[in-house]
Amino acid sequence: MTLVSPNVEKWRRLVDEAADPPAPDELATALSARAPLACGAAGLAGLVVIVWLMVAQPF
């Protein structure tokens, strides 16, 4: 969660400012961060381990 939360806060600040919309380059920079990809990969790896444990039943 600590990987994603700083980016989500940036996105919220950009979107919540209803008075003036964000510049397209600023929005593109905020959305192109790699942290959500790393968090998704960690979640997928955890899911694979859980499924392996359910199928293999090593314990």
Protein backbone atom coordinates (compact mmCIF):
# COMPACT_ATOMS: atom_id res chain seq x y z
CA MET A 1 0.00 0.00 0.00
CA THR A 2 2.89 2.35 0.61
CA LEU A 3 3.89 2.01 -3.02
CA VAL A 4 0.56 3.23 -4.35
CA SER A 5 -0.72 5.74 -1.80
CA PRO A 6 1.57 8.68 -2.76
CA ASN A 7 0.45 8.36 -6.38
CA VAL A 8 -3.21 8.14 -5.43
CA GLU A 9 -2.85 11.30 -3.37
CA LYS A 10 -1.36 13.08 -6.40
CA TRP A 11 -4.25 11.89 -8.57
CA ARG A 12 -6.79 13.06 -6.00
CA ARG A 13 -5.21 16.51 -5.77
CA LEU A 14 -5.21 16.85 -9.55
CA VAL A 15 -8.83 15.77 -9.93
CA ASP A 16 -10.27 17.51 -6.85
CA GLU A 17 -9.26 20.94 -8.07
CA ALA A 18 -12.54 21.53 -9.90
CA ALA A 19 -11.85 25.23 -10.51
CA ASP A 20 -9.08 24.67 -13.03
CA PRO A 21 -8.50 21.31 -14.74
CA PRO A 22 -4.95 19.94 -14.69
CA ALA A 23 -2.66 20.47 -17.65
CA PRO A 24 -2.49 17.42 -19.95
CA ASP A 25 1.27 17.01 -19.45
CA GLU A 26 0.91 17.19 -15.66
CA LEU A 27 -1.85 14.58 -15.74
CA ALA A 28 0.17 12.32 -18.05
CA THR A 29 3.17 12.56 -15.73
CA ALA A 30 1.07 11.64 -12.70
CA LEU A 31 -0.56 8.68 -14.43
CA SER A 32 2.68 7.25 -15.86
CA ALA A 33 4.19 6.24 -12.51
CA ARG A 34 5.51 2.69 -12.18
CA ALA A 35 4.48 2.17 -8.54
CA PRO A 36 0.96 0.85 -9.33
CA LEU A 37 2.54 -1.68 -11.69
CA ALA A 38 4.87 -2.89 -8.93
CA CYS A 39 1.99 -3.17 -6.48
CA GLY A 40 -0.08 -5.13 -9.00
CA ALA A 41 2.83 -7.48 -9.64
CA ALA A 42 3.24 -8.09 -5.91
CA GLY A 43 -0.47 -8.84 -5.60
CA LEU A 44 -0.36 -11.23 -8.55
CA ALA A 45 2.66 -13.01 -7.06
CA GLY A 46 0.80 -13.40 -3.78
CA LEU A 47 -2.22 -14.82 -5.59
CA VAL A 48 -0.03 -17.33 -7.44
CA VAL A 49 1.52 -18.47 -4.15
CA ILE A 50 -1.90 -18.90 -2.55
CA VAL A 51 -3.21 -20.92 -5.48
CA TRP A 52 -0.05 -23.06 -5.45
CA LEU A 53 -0.50 -23.73 -1.74
CA MET A 54 -4.12 -24.73 -2.31
CA VAL A 55 -3.28 -27.09 -5.16
CA ALA A 56 -0.01 -28.62 -3.92
CA GLN A 57 -0.99 -28.78 -0.23
CA PRO A 58 2.65 -28.99 0.93
CA PHE A 59 1.77 -28.85 4.63
